[in-house]
Protein backbone atom coordinates (compact mmCIF):
# COMPACT_ATOMS: atom_id res chain seq x y z
CA MET A 1 -63.23 54.81 81.55
CA LEU A 2 -67.16 53.29 82.77
CA LYS A 3 -67.34 52.01 78.50
CA GLU A 4 -64.77 49.63 78.71
CA ALA A 5 -65.78 48.79 82.02
CA VAL A 6 -69.36 48.30 80.72
CA LEU A 7 -68.51 46.41 77.22
CA GLY A 8 -65.60 44.19 79.56
CA SER A 9 -68.80 42.75 81.83
CA ILE A 10 -70.45 42.19 79.28
CA VAL A 11 -67.28 40.36 77.40
CA VAL A 12 -67.47 38.59 80.14
CA LEU A 13 -71.71 37.47 80.43
CA ILE A 14 -70.48 36.19 76.87
CA GLY A 15 -68.56 34.59 77.41
CA VAL A 16 -70.63 32.81 80.87
CA VAL A 17 -73.75 32.04 78.78
CA ALA A 18 -71.65 30.38 75.90
CA VAL A 19 -69.53 28.49 78.47
CA TYR A 20 -72.30 27.25 79.68
CA LEU A 21 -74.14 26.48 77.09
CA PHE A 22 -71.23 24.94 74.89
CA LEU A 23 -72.11 21.96 77.88
CA ASN A 24 -75.21 21.79 78.61
CA SER A 25 -76.53 21.99 74.70
CA PRO A 26 -76.10 18.16 73.63
CA PRO A 27 -75.10 17.67 70.07
CA VAL A 28 -77.13 15.76 68.76
CA VAL A 29 -80.92 15.49 70.25
CA LEU A 30 -82.07 11.59 69.85
CA THR A 31 -85.59 12.44 71.67
CA ASP A 32 -88.02 15.37 74.15
CA PHE A 33 -87.99 12.68 76.82
CA LYS A 34 -90.13 15.56 78.60
CA GLY A 35 -87.31 18.00 78.29
CA GLU A 36 -84.27 15.79 78.84
CA SER A 37 -81.86 16.02 75.30
CA ASP A 38 -80.20 12.09 74.92
CA VAL A 39 -76.77 12.25 73.47
CA ALA A 40 -74.47 10.43 71.25
CA ASP A 41 -72.73 8.02 73.01
CA VAL A 42 -76.08 7.04 74.64
CA PRO A 43 -76.24 3.68 72.17
CA VAL A 44 -79.27 4.07 69.85
CA SER A 45 -80.20 1.85 66.69
CA GLY A 46 -81.12 3.85 64.19
CA VAL A 47 -79.98 7.15 65.38
CA GLU A 48 -76.45 8.85 63.41
CA PRO A 49 -74.66 11.40 65.21
CA VAL A 50 -73.73 14.33 63.20
CA PRO A 51 -69.60 14.52 64.03
CA GLU A 52 -69.24 17.47 61.03
CA ARG A 53 -70.92 19.93 63.21
CA VAL A 54 -69.81 19.05 65.91
CA SER A 55 -66.19 19.32 65.12
CA GLU A 56 -67.14 22.89 63.73
CA LYS A 57 -69.83 24.22 66.26
CA THR A 58 -66.38 23.41 69.23
CA ASN A 59 -63.39 24.48 66.95
CA THR A 60 -65.55 28.13 66.64
CA ALA A 61 -65.88 27.94 70.49
CA ALA A 62 -62.06 27.79 71.43
CA LYS A 63 -60.77 30.39 69.03
CA ASP A 64 -63.38 32.53 70.34
CA VAL A 65 -61.96 31.88 74.49
CA PRO A 66 -58.63 33.83 74.81
CA ASP A 67 -60.83 36.74 73.42
CA VAL A 68 -62.89 36.45 76.49
CA ALA A 69 -60.72 35.00 78.85
CA LYS A 70 -59.09 38.33 78.76
CA PHE A 71 -61.48 40.25 80.26
CA MET A 72 -61.97 37.93 83.11
CA ASP A 73 -60.83 38.59 86.84
CA GLU A 74 -58.79 36.29 89.26
CA GLY A 75 -62.11 34.81 90.98
CA MET A 76 -64.06 34.07 88.35
CA ARG A 77 -60.09 32.70 86.12
CA HIS A 78 -60.80 29.92 89.45
CA GLN A 79 -65.23 29.76 89.69
CA PHE A 80 -63.86 28.41 85.68
CA GLN A 81 -60.77 26.38 86.81
CA LYS A 82 -63.42 24.54 89.75
CA VAL A 83 -65.76 23.74 87.40
CA ALA A 84 -63.09 22.84 85.12
CA GLN A 85 -61.29 19.98 87.60
CA GLN A 86 -64.90 18.68 87.98
CA TYR A 87 -66.17 17.79 84.20
CA GLN A 88 -62.34 16.41 84.03
CA GLN A 89 -63.88 13.83 86.24
CA ASP A 90 -66.75 13.26 85.15
CA ILE A 91 -65.70 12.64 81.70
CA GLN A 92 -63.64 9.98 82.95
CA PHE A 93 -66.96 7.58 82.50
CA PRO A 94 -69.63 7.39 79.95
CA SER A 95 -73.35 9.12 79.91
CA TYR A 96 -74.77 5.50 79.95
CA SER A 97 -72.96 4.61 82.90
CA LYS A 98 -72.24 6.72 85.62
CA PRO A 99 -70.83 6.28 89.41
CA LEU A 100 -73.63 6.02 91.76
CA LYS A 101 -73.50 7.14 95.35
CA SER A 102 -76.30 6.81 97.60
CA THR A 103 -76.56 10.29 97.90
CA ASP A 104 -77.55 10.72 94.24
CA TRP A 105 -81.10 10.71 95.36
CA ALA A 106 -83.04 11.64 91.69
CA GLN A 107 -81.47 8.28 90.38
CA LEU A 108 -82.16 6.18 93.57
CA ASN A 109 -85.83 7.56 93.04
CA PRO A 110 -86.63 7.21 89.97
CA LEU A 111 -90.77 8.79 89.16
CA PRO A 112 -90.72 9.57 92.75
CA PHE A 113 -93.59 10.20 94.23
CA ILE A 114 -93.26 13.20 96.85
CA PRO A 115 -95.24 13.05 100.75
CA GLN A 116 -96.02 16.04 101.74
CA ARG A 117 -97.68 16.96 105.39
CA LEU A 118 -100.65 18.69 106.37
CA ALA A 119 -100.79 19.23 109.99
CA LEU A 120 -103.46 17.64 111.49
CA SER A 121 -104.46 20.22 115.08
CA ALA A 122 -104.05 23.91 115.10
CA SER A 123 -100.75 23.71 117.50
CA GLU A 124 -98.55 21.89 113.88
CA ASP A 125 -97.48 18.81 116.88
CA VAL A 126 -99.80 16.17 115.14
CA SER A 127 -99.02 15.91 111.37
CA ALA A 128 -100.16 12.35 108.92
CA GLU A 129 -98.78 12.53 105.14
CA ILE A 130 -99.64 9.98 103.01
CA VAL A 131 -96.52 7.84 101.81
CA LEU A 132 -97.08 5.77 97.60
CA PRO A 133 -94.18 4.09 96.29
CA HIS A 134 -93.86 6.06 92.86
CA TYR A 135 -95.59 8.96 91.25
CA GLN A 136 -97.06 7.00 87.48
CA ILE A 137 -97.85 4.33 88.19
CA THR A 138 -98.75 1.17 86.02
CA ARG A 139 -101.50 -1.56 86.16
CA GLY A 140 -100.26 -5.64 86.44
CA ASP A 141 -98.55 -4.01 89.62
CA GLU A 142 -100.10 -3.35 92.77
CA LEU A 143 -100.23 -0.35 94.85
CA THR A 144 -98.65 0.13 98.03
CA VAL A 145 -100.66 2.39 100.52
CA GLN A 146 -99.28 3.00 103.52
CA VAL A 147 -100.61 6.55 105.68
CA ARG A 148 -98.59 8.29 109.05
CA ILE A 149 -99.52 10.39 111.02
CA MET A 150 -97.62 11.96 113.93
CA GLY A 151 -97.96 13.14 117.75
CA ASP A 152 -97.64 11.95 120.93
CA GLN A 153 -99.88 9.77 122.88
CA LEU A 154 -102.46 9.36 120.32
CA HIS A 155 -105.75 8.18 120.71
CA ILE A 156 -106.67 6.86 116.64
CA GLY A 157 -110.62 6.03 116.15
CA SER A 158 -110.11 4.38 112.46
CA VAL A 159 -107.75 5.10 109.66
CA GLU A 160 -109.70 4.46 105.73
CA ALA A 161 -108.13 5.54 102.45
CA THR A 162 -110.02 5.43 98.99
CA LEU A 163 -108.80 5.92 94.95
CA ALA A 164 -111.18 7.18 92.81
CA HIS A 165 -110.71 9.51 88.93
CA ALA A 166 -109.59 12.94 90.06
CA HIS A 167 -111.78 14.12 87.22
CA GLN A 168 -114.37 12.42 86.27
CA GLN A 169 -117.56 12.37 88.91
CA SER A 170 -118.58 8.78 87.61
CA SER A 171 -115.62 7.11 88.38
CA SER A 172 -115.09 3.66 89.72
CA ILE A 173 -114.30 3.91 94.20
CA VAL A 174 -111.74 1.65 95.37
CA SER A 175 -111.46 1.20 99.21
CA VAL A 176 -107.93 0.51 100.54
CA GLN A 177 -107.91 -2.00 104.22
CA LEU A 178 -105.48 -0.44 105.62
CA GLN A 179 -104.30 -2.43 108.82
CA GLN A 180 -101.70 -0.45 111.67
CA SER A 181 -98.39 -1.92 111.42
CA THR A 182 -95.76 -0.26 113.64
CA THR A 183 -96.08 2.19 115.98
CA GLN A 184 -93.14 3.98 117.23
CA GLN A 185 -92.77 6.83 119.35
CA SER A 186 -94.51 9.73 118.07
CA GLU A 187 -95.55 7.39 114.84
CA TYR A 188 -98.13 5.60 113.97
CA VAL A 189 -97.81 3.87 110.21
CA TYR A 190 -100.78 2.17 108.57
CA ASP A 191 -100.13 -0.41 105.50
CA GLY A 192 -102.46 -1.25 102.23
CA VAL A 193 -102.45 -2.48 99.34
CA VAL A 194 -104.28 -2.27 96.44
CA SER A 195 -104.87 -5.34 93.74
CA ARG A 196 -104.01 -5.07 90.19
CA ARG A 197 -108.09 -6.26 89.80
CA GLN A 198 -108.60 -2.81 91.57
CA LEU A 199 -106.42 -1.39 89.78
CA GLU A 200 -108.04 -1.95 86.92
CA SER A 201 -111.72 -0.71 87.41
CA LEU A 202 -109.54 3.06 87.38
CA ASP A 203 -109.57 4.91 84.31
CA ASP A 204 -106.38 6.75 82.88
CA GLY A 205 -104.87 9.79 84.53
CA GLU A 206 -104.51 11.33 87.62
CA ILE A 207 -105.74 9.43 90.50
CA LEU A 208 -107.33 10.52 93.44
CA VAL A 209 -106.17 9.36 97.30
CA ARG A 210 -108.52 9.82 99.99
CA ALA A 211 -106.91 8.99 103.15
CA SER A 212 -109.66 10.23 106.47
CA ILE A 213 -108.39 9.92 109.87
CA ARG A 214 -110.64 10.22 112.57
CA LEU A 215 -108.89 11.90 116.24
CA GLN A 216 -110.03 11.77 119.90
CA GLU A 217 -107.98 15.37 119.98
CA SER A 218 -109.60 16.45 116.51
CA GLY A 219 -112.42 14.90 114.92
CA VAL A 220 -112.95 13.45 111.42
CA ASN A 221 -109.86 14.46 109.58
CA ASP A 222 -108.80 14.67 105.66
CA LEU A 223 -105.97 14.22 103.42
CA VAL A 224 -106.04 14.12 99.41
CA ALA A 225 -102.87 13.04 97.57
CA THR A 226 -102.24 11.76 93.08
CA PHE A 227 -101.09 9.61 91.22
CA GLU A 228 -100.95 9.08 87.41
CA LEU A 229 -101.82 5.99 86.07
CA SER A 230 -101.50 3.92 82.57
CA ASP A 231 -101.59 0.73 80.56
CA SER A 232 -97.99 -0.75 80.41
CA VAL A 233 -96.68 0.24 77.07
CA ALA A 234 -93.34 -2.06 77.57
CA GLN A 235 -93.49 -4.75 80.11
CA LEU A 236 -89.21 -6.00 80.83
CA THR A 237 -89.57 -8.97 81.98
CA GLU A 238 -86.25 -11.01 81.44
CA VAL A 239 -82.98 -10.15 82.05
CA GLY A 240 -80.03 -12.70 80.13
CA ASP A 241 -76.46 -13.64 81.17
CA ALA A 242 -74.67 -10.80 81.42
CA PHE A 243 -70.76 -11.12 79.38
CA ILE A 244 -68.17 -8.75 78.74
CA ASP A 245 -67.12 -7.06 75.45
CA GLY A 246 -64.25 -4.47 75.57
CA ALA A 247 -64.71 -2.51 78.18
CA ASP A 248 -68.05 -3.62 79.41
CA LEU A 249 -70.02 -4.89 81.30
CA VAL A 250 -73.03 -5.51 78.96
CA ILE A 251 -76.60 -6.60 80.30
CA PRO A 252 -79.37 -8.04 77.69
CA LEU A 253 -83.33 -7.13 78.73
CA ALA A 254 -85.81 -8.65 76.95
CA PHE A 255 -89.56 -7.04 76.93
CA ASP A 256 -93.25 -7.86 75.93
CA VAL A 257 -93.71 -4.19 73.93
CA GLU A 258 -97.30 -2.74 73.61
CA GLU A 259 -96.64 -0.41 71.75
CA ALA A 260 -93.21 0.46 69.24
CA GLY A 261 -91.83 3.03 69.75
CA LEU A 262 -87.94 4.38 70.97
CA TYR A 263 -87.81 3.83 74.73
CA ARG A 264 -85.01 5.52 77.83
CA VAL A 265 -83.82 2.28 80.19
CA ARG A 266 -82.57 3.82 83.06
CA ALA A 267 -81.62 1.28 86.22
CA ASN A 268 -80.01 1.45 89.27
CA LEU A 269 -76.32 -0.87 89.45
CA PHE A 270 -75.87 -2.29 93.24
CA ASP A 271 -72.84 -4.35 94.50
CA GLN A 272 -75.45 -8.14 95.67
CA ALA A 273 -72.48 -9.06 98.75
CA SER A 274 -72.06 -6.08 100.27
CA GLY A 275 -75.53 -2.73 99.07
CA ASP A 276 -73.55 -0.81 97.93
CA PRO A 277 -74.38 1.39 94.90
CA ILE A 278 -71.89 0.87 91.83
CA SER A 279 -73.39 2.58 88.68
CA HIS A 280 -76.67 4.70 87.09
CA LEU A 281 -76.77 2.82 83.30
CA ASN A 282 -79.49 3.57 81.07
CA SER A 283 -79.28 2.86 77.10
CA ALA A 284 -82.27 4.48 74.96
CA PHE A 285 -83.08 1.87 71.21
CA LYS A 286 -86.15 1.00 69.65
CA LEU A 287 -89.42 -1.54 70.50
CA SER A 288 -91.12 -3.64 69.02
CA ARG A 289 -93.04 -6.39 69.38
CA PHE A 290 -90.86 -8.11 66.76
CA GLN A 291 -87.42 -5.67 68.17
CA ASN A 292 -87.76 -6.61 71.72
CA THR A 293 -84.59 -7.07 73.06
CA GLY A 294 -82.21 -3.91 74.15
CA GLN A 295 -78.84 -3.81 75.89
CA LEU A 296 -77.74 -1.45 79.00
CA LYS A 297 -73.90 -1.34 79.86
CA ALA A 298 -71.45 -0.97 83.05
CA HIS A 299 -68.17 0.04 81.66
CA ALA A 300 -65.23 -0.93 83.55
CA ALA A 301 -64.15 2.18 84.48
CA THR A 302 -66.63 2.81 87.03
CA LEU A 303 -66.44 -1.10 88.52
CA ARG A 304 -63.02 0.38 88.95
CA HIS A 305 -63.88 2.79 90.59
CA ALA A 306 -66.43 1.51 92.45
CA GLY A 307 -64.00 -1.58 93.21
CA SER A 308 -66.58 -3.95 92.71
CA GLY A 309 -66.55 -6.94 90.33
CA GLY A 310 -69.55 -8.56 91.22
CA PRO A 311 -72.02 -10.36 91.76
CA TYR A 312 -74.69 -7.22 91.52
CA VAL A 313 -77.84 -6.83 91.41
CA LEU A 314 -79.64 -4.62 88.84
CA THR A 315 -82.48 -2.31 89.82
CA ASP A 316 -83.82 0.74 90.25
CA ILE A 317 -85.60 0.59 86.82
CA SER A 318 -87.96 2.56 84.76
CA VAL A 319 -89.48 2.18 80.91
CA ILE A 320 -90.39 5.54 79.42
CA LYS A 321 -91.56 5.71 75.66
CA ALA A 322 -90.66 9.09 74.59
CA PRO A 323 -93.18 11.22 72.53
CA GLU A 324 -93.75 10.60 68.51
CA THR A 325 -95.60 14.02 67.66
CA PRO A 326 -94.90 17.42 69.45
CA GLY A 327 -97.87 17.98 72.50
CA GLU A 328 -97.97 13.60 72.93
CA LYS A 329 -96.50 12.58 76.37
CA SER A 330 -94.25 10.14 77.64
CA ALA A 331 -96.22 6.61 78.24
CA TYR A 332 -94.99 4.16 81.25
CA GLY A 333 -93.17 0.64 80.84
CA SER A 334 -93.06 -1.09 83.75
CA SER A 335 -91.44 -4.50 85.34
CA VAL A 336 -91.87 -8.24 86.02
CA ALA A 337 -89.72 -7.85 88.96
CA GLU A 338 -88.09 -4.90 91.44
CA GLU A 339 -84.50 -6.83 91.36
CA PHE A 340 -82.78 -8.65 88.83
CA PRO A 341 -79.04 -10.67 89.96
CA VAL A 342 -76.84 -9.81 87.88
CA SER A 343 -72.99 -12.20 86.77
CA GLY A 344 -70.01 -10.10 87.68
CA PHE A 345 -66.44 -10.60 86.53
CA ASP A 346 -63.04 -10.19 87.72
CA LEU A 347 -61.94 -6.28 86.87
CA ASP A 348 -58.78 -7.96 85.10
CA ALA A 349 -60.45 -9.20 82.82
CA TYR A 350 -61.72 -6.26 80.74
CA SER A 351 -60.09 -4.25 78.34
CA ARG A 352 -57.88 -1.47 79.98
CA GLU A 353 -57.72 1.12 77.98
CA GLU A 354 -59.53 4.51 79.18
CA TYR A 355 -62.94 5.94 78.38
CA GLN A 356 -62.43 9.17 76.28
CA ASP A 357 -65.15 11.25 74.14
CA PRO A 358 -63.29 14.20 71.42
CA LEU A 359 -66.14 16.38 72.29
CA ASN A 360 -65.91 16.08 75.77
CA GLN A 361 -62.22 16.83 75.09
CA LYS A 362 -62.17 19.62 73.32
CA ARG A 363 -64.76 20.61 75.78
CA LEU A 364 -62.39 20.20 78.26
CA GLU A 365 -59.68 22.31 76.66
CA PHE A 366 -62.34 25.20 76.12
CA LEU A 367 -62.81 25.40 80.27
CA GLN A 368 -59.39 24.90 80.32
CA ARG A 369 -58.68 27.55 78.40
CA MET A 370 -61.15 29.45 79.47
CA SER A 371 -59.75 29.91 83.08
CA SER A 372 -56.00 29.70 82.71
CA GLN A 373 -54.20 33.26 82.14
CA PRO A 374 -54.69 36.14 79.35
CA MET A 375 -52.18 36.44 77.00
């Protein structure tokens, strides 16, 4: 009896692992963006899908489901039902144009810098933090530096900030002129800007930001933060006139390319009038100095889901070049502007077919079999 129970548990465990691998392992790996894999429904020039292998793997997994499902208890079957329902909702939209919500922090904050608050007194009632716009900074853009000090009725003597290379003692030291911008209740904010010329004086790599805060209550206190500095390998210079292609709103992009390679471009689409988030867009394509254009697409299913026919604003843009050899790091691009206007069209102007992907449908059938009652 015990042996049968253990065997049943093992079979169920294998089934759960199979589901996880089945749903989370994309069939076609295009490249490695710091561990991220890109699936075949994101258009990439020069990369061919392998439908035969995908179909064979999917059919094999589906055949094995009844043997696993008969060992599942009602609680686990209910969990699979919930997963199947959520997955069914998700696959209504292509991976290159997913709905965007105001709570989607990761999509709304590409390459984020996470501030670390540090206590400036033993009682921890006084604290401060350094705030940067991103962790990855490219030359050619100004860098804003902000120092926030939190505490009641503070007597602040001075706030200074410097930048230097974290691993080169002979590195240039850049001074940042900070000005107090706001003083709210229990919060003091100092802002400064590092110019393009100042960033040019620093070598690539990890840059140390040091802020020195002189308080009457506790003397001089130092804060540190780091970011990565590099040259821009490609810069988004223009967003062309959007047009409709079937069920897609196509947004043409033009780049000034310094290094050829396979690039991933991500951006967010917002309604221009309301400011509401509409869709998180992403695409992968090859770029070079002679092949310097690409596209982002917003699917009509996503636009109708948001109830927005535009016009739109394209922002939160990230440009990343994939590593070409094992061990090589991703390289980063930039944009000449933080946002671009994008024309809109009446939602009835798009074709009406629903988005469907055969592989996603097979995965959904697999989940539904896992959640069904055993024969």
